[in-house]
Amino acid sequence: MSFFILKTFQKTVSPEIFFFVFWLCSLSFEAIRPLHLFMAVQGASDSSLSILDRLYMGSKFLGLITIFISGLYAAGMRNEKQFSIIAVCVGISAALSSIMPVNTGIWAANLMFKLGYGRLVDGFSVAILLITIANYLIAVRVRGDKAYYYIAAGAALTVAGALVASRGASPLASLISLAAMAAGGFVYIYKLHSFYLWQ
């Protein structure tokens, strides 16, 4: 997806894509999951492993907040201080992950320790996804272009696929979610690029 964005948005500016890229970068922290397992097998202390858990959760919070902000820009928000917004997002994510309790005695299916307030985090994730989709649908009226229906569908497929894949439910579920992410990402980037190309 990053390569596709690089090829299509070399000469086109889009705040939605700017924040979408930060969400995309947050997915790279999924690599912490096998690292967490490897360090545990090697005998790492629970305190060092819990740091990885908090870093992982911080990246997830950052991704969710940035994808939410991309929807706000689509719905009409205008703010040129995008790097300041990112700094605030990082601060909020760090604060949220630092207060998350980590149960070092129970492993979750995603190879990480089980975190407290799990249902609350799941509810927060789903709420962010739904609000983001709603913002992109609002953009149809604000921008006056039905392309945002496709953009909303692409964002929904991509983010929902990432949320399912991060749970480590099963190989089949992960495969289906990756396919959904690829299809949704292509639609999202292609349609958004087409819209801004004519602005």
N, C-alpha and C. Protein backbone atom coordinates (compact mmCIF):
# COMPACT_ATOMS: atom_id res chain seq x y z
N MET A 1 0.83 -1.20 0.00
CA MET A 1 0.00 0.00 0.00
C MET A 1 0.87 1.26 0.00
N SER A 2 1.94 1.21 0.78
CA SER A 2 2.84 2.37 0.84
C SER A 2 3.43 2.66 -0.54
N PHE A 3 3.81 1.60 -1.24
CA PHE A 3 4.39 1.78 -2.58
C PHE A 3 3.34 2.37 -3.53
N PHE A 4 2.11 1.90 -3.44
CA PHE A 4 1.02 2.40 -4.28
C PHE A 4 0.76 3.87 -3.99
N ILE A 5 0.78 4.24 -2.71
CA ILE A 5 0.59 5.66 -2.34
C ILE A 5 1.72 6.51 -2.90
N LEU A 6 2.95 6.00 -2.78
CA LEU A 6 4.12 6.74 -3.27
C LEU A 6 4.02 6.98 -4.77
N LYS A 7 3.55 5.99 -5.51
CA LYS A 7 3.45 6.12 -6.96
C LYS A 7 2.31 7.04 -7.39
N THR A 8 1.19 7.02 -6.65
CA THR A 8 0.02 7.78 -7.09
C THR A 8 -0.04 9.20 -6.53
N PHE A 9 0.58 9.45 -5.39
CA PHE A 9 0.45 10.77 -4.76
C PHE A 9 1.75 11.57 -4.79
N GLN A 10 2.59 11.33 -5.81
CA GLN A 10 3.83 12.09 -5.90
C GLN A 10 3.58 13.57 -6.16
N LYS A 11 2.53 13.88 -6.93
CA LYS A 11 2.27 15.27 -7.29
C LYS A 11 0.89 15.73 -6.83
N THR A 12 0.27 14.96 -5.95
CA THR A 12 -1.07 15.29 -5.47
C THR A 12 -1.06 15.36 -3.95
N VAL A 13 -1.63 16.43 -3.41
CA VAL A 13 -1.65 16.64 -1.96
C VAL A 13 -3.03 16.26 -1.41
N SER A 14 -3.03 15.46 -0.34
CA SER A 14 -4.28 15.04 0.28
C SER A 14 -4.07 14.86 1.77
N PRO A 15 -4.75 15.65 2.61
CA PRO A 15 -4.61 15.46 4.06
C PRO A 15 -5.14 14.10 4.52
N GLU A 16 -6.16 13.59 3.81
CA GLU A 16 -6.66 12.25 4.16
C GLU A 16 -5.57 11.20 4.02
N ILE A 17 -4.84 11.27 2.91
CA ILE A 17 -3.76 10.31 2.68
C ILE A 17 -2.62 10.52 3.68
N PHE A 18 -2.35 11.75 4.03
CA PHE A 18 -1.29 12.05 5.00
C PHE A 18 -1.53 11.29 6.30
N PHE A 19 -2.77 11.36 6.81
CA PHE A 19 -3.07 10.67 8.07
C PHE A 19 -3.29 9.18 7.87
N PHE A 20 -3.75 8.79 6.68
CA PHE A 20 -3.87 7.37 6.37
C PHE A 20 -2.50 6.69 6.38
N VAL A 21 -1.49 7.40 5.91
CA VAL A 21 -0.13 6.85 5.90
C VAL A 21 0.35 6.60 7.32
N PHE A 22 0.02 7.48 8.25
CA PHE A 22 0.41 7.25 9.65
C PHE A 22 -0.29 6.02 10.21
N TRP A 23 -1.57 5.83 9.84
CA TRP A 23 -2.26 4.61 10.25
C TRP A 23 -1.56 3.40 9.66
N LEU A 24 -1.17 3.50 8.39
CA LEU A 24 -0.49 2.41 7.71
C LEU A 24 0.85 2.09 8.39
N CYS A 25 1.57 3.14 8.77
CA CYS A 25 2.86 2.94 9.46
C CYS A 25 2.66 2.28 10.82
N SER A 26 1.54 2.57 11.47
CA SER A 26 1.28 1.96 12.78
C SER A 26 1.14 0.44 12.67
N LEU A 27 0.76 -0.04 11.48
CA LEU A 27 0.62 -1.49 11.29
C LEU A 27 1.97 -2.21 11.32
N SER A 28 3.05 -1.47 11.05
CA SER A 28 4.37 -2.11 11.08
C SER A 28 4.71 -2.60 12.49
N PHE A 29 4.05 -2.04 13.51
CA PHE A 29 4.30 -2.47 14.88
C PHE A 29 3.68 -3.84 15.18
N GLU A 30 2.93 -4.40 14.22
CA GLU A 30 2.44 -5.77 14.38
C GLU A 30 3.62 -6.74 14.47
N ALA A 31 4.79 -6.31 13.97
CA ALA A 31 5.99 -7.15 14.05
C ALA A 31 6.43 -7.36 15.49
N ILE A 32 5.91 -6.56 16.41
CA ILE A 32 6.23 -6.74 17.84
C ILE A 32 5.69 -8.07 18.35
N ARG A 33 4.60 -8.57 17.74
CA ARG A 33 3.96 -9.79 18.25
C ARG A 33 4.91 -11.00 18.22
N PRO A 34 5.50 -11.36 17.07
CA PRO A 34 6.46 -12.48 17.10
C PRO A 34 7.72 -12.16 17.92
N LEU A 35 8.11 -10.87 17.95
CA LEU A 35 9.26 -10.48 18.77
C LEU A 35 8.97 -10.73 20.25
N HIS A 36 7.75 -10.41 20.66
CA HIS A 36 7.31 -10.62 22.04
C HIS A 36 7.42 -12.11 22.41
N LEU A 37 6.95 -12.97 21.52
CA LEU A 37 7.03 -14.41 21.76
C LEU A 37 8.48 -14.88 21.80
N PHE A 38 9.29 -14.40 20.86
CA PHE A 38 10.70 -14.79 20.81
C PHE A 38 11.43 -14.40 22.08
N MET A 39 11.19 -13.16 22.55
CA MET A 39 11.86 -12.70 23.77
C MET A 39 11.40 -13.50 24.98
N ALA A 40 10.12 -13.89 25.01
CA ALA A 40 9.62 -14.69 26.12
C ALA A 40 10.28 -16.06 26.14
N VAL A 41 10.43 -16.68 24.97
CA VAL A 41 11.08 -17.99 24.87
C VAL A 41 12.55 -17.88 25.29
N GLN A 42 13.16 -16.74 25.00
CA GLN A 42 14.57 -16.54 25.37
C GLN A 42 14.75 -16.18 26.85
N GLY A 43 13.64 -16.05 27.57
CA GLY A 43 13.71 -15.81 29.00
C GLY A 43 13.71 -14.36 29.42
N ALA A 44 13.18 -13.49 28.59
CA ALA A 44 13.11 -12.06 28.95
C ALA A 44 12.19 -11.86 30.15
N SER A 45 12.46 -10.84 30.92
CA SER A 45 11.66 -10.57 32.12
C SER A 45 10.27 -10.06 31.74
N ASP A 46 9.33 -10.26 32.66
CA ASP A 46 7.97 -9.80 32.42
C ASP A 46 7.90 -8.29 32.26
N SER A 47 8.74 -7.57 32.98
CA SER A 47 8.72 -6.10 32.89
C SER A 47 9.14 -5.62 31.50
N SER A 48 10.16 -6.27 30.92
CA SER A 48 10.59 -5.87 29.58
C SER A 48 9.56 -6.26 28.53
N LEU A 49 8.90 -7.40 28.75
CA LEU A 49 7.85 -7.82 27.82
C LEU A 49 6.64 -6.89 27.91
N SER A 50 6.33 -6.43 29.11
CA SER A 50 5.18 -5.53 29.27
C SER A 50 5.43 -4.19 28.59
N ILE A 51 6.71 -3.79 28.47
CA ILE A 51 7.04 -2.57 27.73
C ILE A 51 6.66 -2.74 26.26
N LEU A 52 6.96 -3.93 25.72
CA LEU A 52 6.57 -4.22 24.34
C LEU A 52 5.05 -4.18 24.18
N ASP A 53 4.35 -4.71 25.18
CA ASP A 53 2.88 -4.69 25.12
C ASP A 53 2.36 -3.26 25.07
N ARG A 54 2.92 -2.39 25.88
CA ARG A 54 2.48 -1.00 25.89
C ARG A 54 2.84 -0.28 24.59
N LEU A 55 4.02 -0.59 24.06
CA LEU A 55 4.42 0.00 22.78
C LEU A 55 3.47 -0.45 21.68
N TYR A 56 3.11 -1.73 21.71
CA TYR A 56 2.18 -2.28 20.71
C TYR A 56 0.82 -1.59 20.82
N MET A 57 0.31 -1.46 22.04
CA MET A 57 -0.99 -0.82 22.21
C MET A 57 -0.94 0.66 21.84
N GLY A 58 0.17 1.31 22.17
CA GLY A 58 0.33 2.71 21.78
C GLY A 58 0.26 2.89 20.27
N SER A 59 0.89 1.96 19.54
CA SER A 59 0.85 2.05 18.07
C SER A 59 -0.57 1.84 17.56
N LYS A 60 -1.33 0.96 18.20
CA LYS A 60 -2.71 0.72 17.78
C LYS A 60 -3.58 1.96 18.04
N PHE A 61 -3.39 2.57 19.21
CA PHE A 61 -4.13 3.79 19.51
C PHE A 61 -3.78 4.90 18.52
N LEU A 62 -2.49 5.03 18.22
CA LEU A 62 -2.05 6.07 17.28
C LEU A 62 -2.69 5.84 15.91
N GLY A 63 -2.70 4.59 15.46
CA GLY A 63 -3.30 4.29 14.16
C GLY A 63 -4.78 4.61 14.12
N LEU A 64 -5.49 4.24 15.18
CA LEU A 64 -6.93 4.50 15.22
C LEU A 64 -7.23 6.00 15.24
N ILE A 65 -6.45 6.75 16.01
CA ILE A 65 -6.68 8.19 16.10
C ILE A 65 -6.38 8.88 14.77
N THR A 66 -5.30 8.47 14.10
CA THR A 66 -4.94 9.12 12.84
C THR A 66 -5.94 8.78 11.73
N ILE A 67 -6.46 7.55 11.70
CA ILE A 67 -7.46 7.22 10.67
C ILE A 67 -8.75 8.00 10.95
N PHE A 68 -9.04 8.22 12.23
CA PHE A 68 -10.20 9.03 12.60
C PHE A 68 -10.03 10.46 12.10
N ILE A 69 -8.83 11.01 12.25
CA ILE A 69 -8.57 12.39 11.81
C ILE A 69 -8.63 12.48 10.28
N SER A 70 -8.21 11.43 9.58
CA SER A 70 -8.32 11.46 8.12
C SER A 70 -9.78 11.61 7.70
N GLY A 71 -10.68 10.96 8.45
CA GLY A 71 -12.11 11.11 8.18
C GLY A 71 -12.61 12.51 8.47
N LEU A 72 -12.06 13.15 9.50
CA LEU A 72 -12.45 14.53 9.81
C LEU A 72 -12.07 15.48 8.68
N TYR A 73 -10.88 15.27 8.10
CA TYR A 73 -10.47 16.10 6.97
C TYR A 73 -11.38 15.86 5.77
N ALA A 74 -11.78 14.62 5.56
CA ALA A 74 -12.69 14.33 4.45
C ALA A 74 -14.03 15.04 4.64
N ALA A 75 -14.47 15.11 5.91
CA ALA A 75 -15.77 15.72 6.21
C ALA A 75 -15.74 17.24 6.23
N GLY A 76 -14.56 17.83 6.01
CA GLY A 76 -14.50 19.28 5.88
C GLY A 76 -13.60 20.01 6.84
N MET A 77 -12.93 19.31 7.75
CA MET A 77 -12.03 19.99 8.68
C MET A 77 -10.88 20.63 7.92
N ARG A 78 -10.51 21.83 8.31
CA ARG A 78 -9.40 22.53 7.67
C ARG A 78 -8.41 22.96 8.74
N ASN A 79 -7.24 22.38 8.73
CA ASN A 79 -6.19 22.73 9.67
C ASN A 79 -4.85 22.42 9.01
N GLU A 80 -4.05 23.45 8.83
CA GLU A 80 -2.79 23.28 8.13
C GLU A 80 -1.66 22.77 9.03
N LYS A 81 -1.89 22.74 10.34
CA LYS A 81 -0.83 22.32 11.27
C LYS A 81 -0.90 20.80 11.49
N GLN A 82 -0.65 20.07 10.43
CA GLN A 82 -0.83 18.62 10.48
C GLN A 82 0.21 17.93 11.36
N PHE A 83 1.43 18.44 11.36
CA PHE A 83 2.46 17.82 12.20
C PHE A 83 2.19 18.08 13.68
N SER A 84 1.59 19.22 13.99
CA SER A 84 1.19 19.48 15.38
C SER A 84 0.10 18.50 15.81
N ILE A 85 -0.81 18.20 14.89
CA ILE A 85 -1.87 17.23 15.19
C ILE A 85 -1.27 15.87 15.44
N ILE A 86 -0.29 15.49 14.64
CA ILE A 86 0.38 14.20 14.83
C ILE A 86 1.06 14.14 16.19
N ALA A 87 1.70 15.24 16.59
CA ALA A 87 2.37 15.27 17.89
C ALA A 87 1.36 15.07 19.02
N VAL A 88 0.19 15.69 18.89
CA VAL A 88 -0.86 15.52 19.89
C VAL A 88 -1.35 14.08 19.90
N CYS A 89 -1.49 13.49 18.71
CA CYS A 89 -1.92 12.08 18.60
C CYS A 89 -0.94 11.14 19.29
N VAL A 90 0.35 11.40 19.09
CA VAL A 90 1.38 10.57 19.73
C VAL A 90 1.29 10.70 21.25
N GLY A 91 1.09 11.92 21.73
CA GLY A 91 0.96 12.14 23.17
C GLY A 91 -0.24 11.43 23.76
N ILE A 92 -1.39 11.52 23.07
CA ILE A 92 -2.59 10.83 23.55
C ILE A 92 -2.39 9.32 23.56
N SER A 93 -1.79 8.80 22.49
CA SER A 93 -1.54 7.36 22.40
C SER A 93 -0.62 6.87 23.50
N ALA A 94 0.44 7.64 23.77
CA ALA A 94 1.38 7.27 24.83
C ALA A 94 0.69 7.29 26.19
N ALA A 95 -0.16 8.28 26.42
CA ALA A 95 -0.87 8.38 27.70
C ALA A 95 -1.84 7.21 27.87
N LEU A 96 -2.58 6.87 26.83
CA LEU A 96 -3.53 5.76 26.92
C LEU A 96 -2.84 4.42 27.15
N SER A 97 -1.75 4.19 26.41
CA SER A 97 -1.06 2.91 26.56
C SER A 97 -0.35 2.79 27.92
N SER A 98 0.05 3.92 28.49
CA SER A 98 0.76 3.88 29.78
C SER A 98 -0.16 3.52 30.94
N ILE A 99 -1.46 3.78 30.79
CA ILE A 99 -2.39 3.47 31.88
C ILE A 99 -3.07 2.10 31.70
N MET A 100 -2.74 1.41 30.60
CA MET A 100 -3.34 0.10 30.36
C MET A 100 -2.71 -0.94 31.27
N PRO A 101 -3.51 -1.67 32.06
CA PRO A 101 -2.94 -2.75 32.88
C PRO A 101 -2.56 -3.95 32.01
N VAL A 102 -1.43 -4.56 32.32
CA VAL A 102 -0.95 -5.72 31.56
C VAL A 102 -0.90 -6.92 32.49
N ASN A 103 -1.61 -7.98 32.11
CA ASN A 103 -1.62 -9.22 32.89
C ASN A 103 -0.53 -10.13 32.36
N THR A 104 0.61 -10.14 33.03
CA THR A 104 1.76 -10.90 32.55
C THR A 104 1.60 -12.41 32.76
N GLY A 105 0.51 -12.84 33.38
CA GLY A 105 0.30 -14.26 33.60
C GLY A 105 -0.58 -14.92 32.57
N ILE A 106 -1.17 -14.12 31.66
CA ILE A 106 -2.08 -14.69 30.66
C ILE A 106 -1.68 -14.21 29.26
N TRP A 107 -1.55 -15.19 28.35
CA TRP A 107 -1.23 -14.87 26.97
C TRP A 107 -2.51 -14.79 26.15
N ALA A 108 -2.57 -13.85 25.21
CA ALA A 108 -3.70 -13.72 24.30
C ALA A 108 -3.37 -14.45 23.00
N ALA A 109 -4.37 -14.60 22.14
CA ALA A 109 -4.19 -15.33 20.88
C ALA A 109 -3.25 -14.61 19.92
N ASN A 110 -3.03 -13.30 20.14
CA ASN A 110 -2.17 -12.53 19.23
C ASN A 110 -0.71 -12.52 19.66
N LEU A 111 -0.32 -13.44 20.55
CA LEU A 111 1.07 -13.63 21.02
C LEU A 111 1.52 -12.55 22.01
N MET A 112 0.59 -11.73 22.49
CA MET A 112 0.92 -10.71 23.48
C MET A 112 0.28 -11.07 24.81
N PHE A 113 0.69 -10.39 25.89
CA PHE A 113 0.03 -10.58 27.17
C PHE A 113 -1.39 -10.01 27.09
N LYS A 114 -2.26 -10.57 27.89
CA LYS A 114 -3.64 -10.09 27.92
C LYS A 114 -3.68 -8.74 28.63
N LEU A 115 -4.35 -7.79 28.01
CA LEU A 115 -4.45 -6.45 28.56
C LEU A 115 -5.78 -6.26 29.27
N GLY A 116 -5.77 -5.45 30.31
CA GLY A 116 -7.01 -5.11 30.98
C GLY A 116 -7.85 -4.19 30.10
N TYR A 117 -9.12 -4.09 30.43
CA TYR A 117 -10.06 -3.26 29.66
C TYR A 117 -10.13 -3.69 28.20
N GLY A 118 -9.98 -5.00 27.96
CA GLY A 118 -9.98 -5.50 26.59
C GLY A 118 -11.26 -5.17 25.84
N ARG A 119 -12.40 -5.34 26.50
CA ARG A 119 -13.68 -5.03 25.85
C ARG A 119 -13.82 -3.54 25.58
N LEU A 120 -13.28 -2.75 26.49
CA LEU A 120 -13.33 -1.30 26.29
C LEU A 120 -12.50 -0.89 25.08
N VAL A 121 -11.32 -1.50 24.93
CA VAL A 121 -10.46 -1.21 23.78
C VAL A 121 -11.14 -1.67 22.49
N ASP A 122 -11.76 -2.86 22.51
CA ASP A 122 -12.48 -3.34 21.33
C ASP A 122 -13.62 -2.40 20.96
N GLY A 123 -14.36 -1.96 21.97
CA GLY A 123 -15.45 -1.02 21.72
C GLY A 123 -14.95 0.30 21.16
N PHE A 124 -13.82 0.78 21.70
CA PHE A 124 -13.21 2.02 21.21
C PHE A 124 -12.81 1.86 19.74
N SER A 125 -12.22 0.70 19.40
CA SER A 125 -11.78 0.45 18.03
C SER A 125 -12.96 0.44 17.07
N VAL A 126 -14.02 -0.27 17.43
CA VAL A 126 -15.21 -0.34 16.58
C VAL A 126 -15.86 1.04 16.44
N ALA A 127 -15.92 1.79 17.55
CA ALA A 127 -16.52 3.13 17.51
C ALA A 127 -15.74 4.05 16.58
N ILE A 128 -14.40 3.99 16.65
CA ILE A 128 -13.57 4.82 15.78
C ILE A 128 -13.81 4.45 14.32
N LEU A 129 -13.89 3.14 14.05
CA LEU A 129 -14.13 2.69 12.68
C LEU A 129 -15.47 3.21 12.16
N LEU A 130 -16.52 3.10 12.97
CA LEU A 130 -17.85 3.54 12.54
C LEU A 130 -17.91 5.06 12.34
N ILE A 131 -17.27 5.81 13.26
CA ILE A 131 -17.26 7.27 13.12
C ILE A 131 -16.47 7.69 11.89
N THR A 132 -15.37 6.99 11.62
CA THR A 132 -14.56 7.30 10.44
C THR A 132 -15.36 7.07 9.17
N ILE A 133 -16.07 5.93 9.11
CA ILE A 133 -16.92 5.65 7.94
C ILE A 133 -17.98 6.73 7.80
N ALA A 134 -18.59 7.12 8.93
CA ALA A 134 -19.61 8.17 8.90
C ALA A 134 -19.04 9.48 8.37
N ASN A 135 -17.82 9.82 8.77
CA ASN A 135 -17.19 11.05 8.28
C ASN A 135 -16.98 11.01 6.77
N TYR A 136 -16.56 9.85 6.27
CA TYR A 136 -16.36 9.74 4.82
C TYR A 136 -17.70 9.79 4.07
N LEU A 137 -18.76 9.28 4.69
CA LEU A 137 -20.07 9.38 4.06
C LEU A 137 -20.58 10.82 4.09
N ILE A 138 -20.28 11.53 5.16
CA ILE A 138 -20.63 12.97 5.24
C ILE A 138 -19.91 13.74 4.13
N ALA A 139 -18.71 13.27 3.78
CA ALA A 139 -17.93 13.93 2.73
C ALA A 139 -18.64 13.90 1.38
N VAL A 140 -19.51 12.90 1.17
CA VAL A 140 -20.28 12.85 -0.08
C VAL A 140 -21.10 14.13 -0.22
N ARG A 141 -21.73 14.55 0.86
CA ARG A 141 -22.54 15.78 0.83
C ARG A 141 -21.65 17.03 0.84
N VAL A 142 -20.60 17.02 1.67
CA VAL A 142 -19.73 18.19 1.80
C VAL A 142 -18.96 18.45 0.52
N ARG A 143 -18.39 17.38 -0.05
CA ARG A 143 -17.57 17.54 -1.26
C ARG A 143 -18.40 17.47 -2.55
N GLY A 144 -19.62 16.94 -2.44
CA GLY A 144 -20.48 16.83 -3.63
C GLY A 144 -19.97 15.83 -4.64
N ASP A 145 -19.34 14.76 -4.17
CA ASP A 145 -18.80 13.75 -5.08
C ASP A 145 -19.10 12.35 -4.54
N LYS A 146 -19.76 11.54 -5.35
CA LYS A 146 -20.14 10.20 -4.92
C LYS A 146 -18.95 9.24 -4.82
N ALA A 147 -17.78 9.69 -5.26
CA ALA A 147 -16.57 8.87 -5.12
C ALA A 147 -16.30 8.55 -3.65
N TYR A 148 -16.78 9.42 -2.76
CA TYR A 148 -16.54 9.20 -1.33
C TYR A 148 -17.33 8.01 -0.79
N TYR A 149 -18.33 7.53 -1.51
CA TYR A 149 -18.96 6.27 -1.12
C TYR A 149 -17.95 5.13 -1.23
N TYR A 150 -17.22 5.13 -2.35
CA TYR A 150 -16.20 4.10 -2.56
C TYR A 150 -15.04 4.27 -1.58
N ILE A 151 -14.69 5.52 -1.34
CA ILE A 151 -13.59 5.80 -0.40
C ILE A 151 -13.96 5.32 0.99
N ALA A 152 -15.21 5.55 1.40
CA ALA A 152 -15.69 5.08 2.71
C ALA A 152 -15.65 3.56 2.78
N ALA A 153 -16.09 2.90 1.70
CA ALA A 153 -16.07 1.43 1.67
C ALA A 153 -14.63 0.90 1.73
N GLY A 154 -13.73 1.57 1.01
CA GLY A 154 -12.32 1.16 1.03
C GLY A 154 -11.70 1.32 2.41
N ALA A 155 -11.99 2.44 3.07
CA ALA A 155 -11.48 2.66 4.43
C ALA A 155 -12.04 1.62 5.38
N ALA A 156 -13.34 1.31 5.24
CA ALA A 156 -13.97 0.32 6.12
C ALA A 156 -13.33 -1.05 5.96
N LEU A 157 -13.14 -1.48 4.72
CA LEU A 157 -12.52 -2.80 4.46
C LEU A 157 -11.09 -2.85 5.00
N THR A 158 -10.34 -1.79 4.77
CA THR A 158 -8.93 -1.77 5.17
C THR A 158 -8.77 -1.80 6.69
N VAL A 159 -9.49 -0.92 7.38
CA VAL A 159 -9.34 -0.83 8.83
C VAL A 159 -9.93 -2.06 9.51
N ALA A 160 -11.11 -2.52 9.05
CA ALA A 160 -11.72 -3.72 9.63
C ALA A 160 -10.82 -4.93 9.42
N GLY A 161 -10.23 -5.03 8.23
CA GLY A 161 -9.30 -6.14 7.96
C GLY A 161 -8.10 -6.12 8.89
N ALA A 162 -7.57 -4.92 9.14
CA ALA A 162 -6.42 -4.80 10.05
C ALA A 162 -6.79 -5.18 11.47
N LEU A 163 -7.99 -4.78 11.91
CA LEU A 163 -8.43 -5.11 13.27
C LEU A 163 -8.59 -6.61 13.44
N VAL A 164 -9.16 -7.28 12.42
CA VAL A 164 -9.34 -8.74 12.49
C VAL A 164 -7.98 -9.44 12.46
N ALA A 165 -7.10 -9.00 11.57
CA ALA A 165 -5.79 -9.63 11.45
C ALA A 165 -4.97 -9.52 12.73
N SER A 166 -5.11 -8.41 13.44
CA SER A 166 -4.32 -8.18 14.66
C SER A 166 -4.76 -9.06 15.82
N ARG A 167 -5.94 -9.66 15.71
CA ARG A 167 -6.44 -10.50 16.80
C ARG A 167 -5.82 -11.90 16.79
N GLY A 168 -5.26 -12.31 15.65
CA GLY A 168 -4.64 -13.62 15.56
C GLY A 168 -5.64 -14.75 15.76
N ALA A 169 -6.87 -14.57 15.22
CA ALA A 169 -7.93 -15.55 15.46
C ALA A 169 -7.62 -16.90 14.81
N SER A 170 -7.27 -16.90 13.53
CA SER A 170 -6.95 -18.14 12.82
C SER A 170 -6.23 -17.77 11.53
N PRO A 171 -5.50 -18.73 10.94
CA PRO A 171 -4.82 -18.44 9.66
C PRO A 171 -5.80 -18.05 8.56
N LEU A 172 -6.97 -18.71 8.51
CA LEU A 172 -7.96 -18.40 7.47
C LEU A 172 -8.50 -16.98 7.65
N ALA A 173 -8.83 -16.62 8.91
CA ALA A 173 -9.33 -15.27 9.18
C ALA A 173 -8.28 -14.23 8.83
N SER A 174 -7.02 -14.53 9.11
CA SER A 174 -5.94 -13.59 8.79
C SER A 174 -5.79 -13.43 7.28
N LEU A 175 -5.92 -14.56 6.55
CA LEU A 175 -5.80 -14.51 5.09
C LEU A 175 -6.93 -13.68 4.48
N ILE A 176 -8.15 -13.91 4.95
CA ILE A 176 -9.31 -13.16 4.46
C ILE A 176 -9.16 -11.67 4.79
N SER A 177 -8.70 -11.38 6.00
CA SER A 177 -8.56 -9.97 6.40
C SER A 177 -7.46 -9.28 5.58
N LEU A 178 -6.39 -9.98 5.26
CA LEU A 178 -5.34 -9.38 4.43
C LEU A 178 -5.85 -9.10 3.02
N ALA A 179 -6.68 -10.02 2.49
CA ALA A 179 -7.28 -9.80 1.17
C ALA A 179 -8.21 -8.59 1.21
N ALA A 180 -8.98 -8.46 2.30
CA ALA A 180 -9.87 -7.31 2.46
C ALA A 180 -9.06 -6.01 2.55
N MET A 181 -7.95 -6.05 3.26
CA MET A 181 -7.09 -4.87 3.38
C MET A 181 -6.53 -4.46 2.02
N ALA A 182 -6.08 -5.44 1.24
CA ALA A 182 -5.51 -5.14 -0.07
C ALA A 182 -6.56 -4.54 -1.00
N ALA A 183 -7.75 -5.14 -1.04
CA ALA A 183 -8.82 -4.63 -1.90
C ALA A 183 -9.29 -3.25 -1.44
N GLY A 184 -9.51 -3.13 -0.13
CA GLY A 184 -9.96 -1.85 0.41
C GLY A 184 -8.94 -0.75 0.23
N GLY A 185 -7.67 -1.08 0.45
CA GLY A 185 -6.60 -0.10 0.28
C GLY A 185 -6.49 0.40 -1.15
N PHE A 186 -6.63 -0.53 -2.11
CA PHE A 186 -6.57 -0.14 -3.52
C PHE A 186 -7.71 0.81 -3.86
N VAL A 187 -8.93 0.47 -3.45
CA VAL A 187 -10.10 1.31 -3.74
C VAL A 187 -9.94 2.69 -3.09
N TYR A 188 -9.53 2.69 -1.82
CA TYR A 188 -9.38 3.94 -1.07
C TYR A 188 -8.37 4.86 -1.75
N ILE A 189 -7.20 4.35 -2.05
CA ILE A 189 -6.13 5.18 -2.62
C ILE A 189 -6.47 5.61 -4.03
N TYR A 190 -6.97 4.69 -4.85
CA TYR A 190 -7.27 5.00 -6.25
C TYR A 190 -8.37 6.06 -6.35
N LYS A 191 -9.46 5.87 -5.60
CA LYS A 191 -10.58 6.81 -5.68
C LYS A 191 -10.22 8.18 -5.10
N LEU A 192 -9.45 8.19 -4.01
CA LEU A 192 -9.04 9.45 -3.41
C LEU A 192 -8.11 10.22 -4.35
N HIS A 193 -7.22 9.48 -4.99
CA HIS A 193 -6.31 10.12 -5.94
C HIS A 193 -7.09 10.69 -7.12
N SER A 194 -8.07 9.93 -7.61
CA SER A 194 -8.88 10.41 -8.74
C SER A 194 -9.64 11.68 -8.37
N PHE A 195 -10.15 11.73 -7.14
CA PHE A 195 -10.88 12.91 -6.69
C PHE A 195 -9.97 14.13 -6.66
N TYR A 196 -8.79 14.00 -6.03
CA TYR A 196 -7.90 15.16 -5.88
C TYR A 196 -7.23 15.54 -7.19
N LEU A 197 -7.18 14.62 -8.12
CA LEU A 197 -6.55 14.90 -9.41
C LEU A 197 -7.32 15.98 -10.17
N TRP A 198 -8.62 16.07 -9.91
CA TRP A 198 -9.46 17.02 -10.63
C TRP A 198 -9.82 18.26 -9.80
N GLN A 199 -9.19 18.38 -8.62
CA GLN A 199 -9.49 19.55 -7.79
C GLN A 199 -8.62 20.75 -8.19
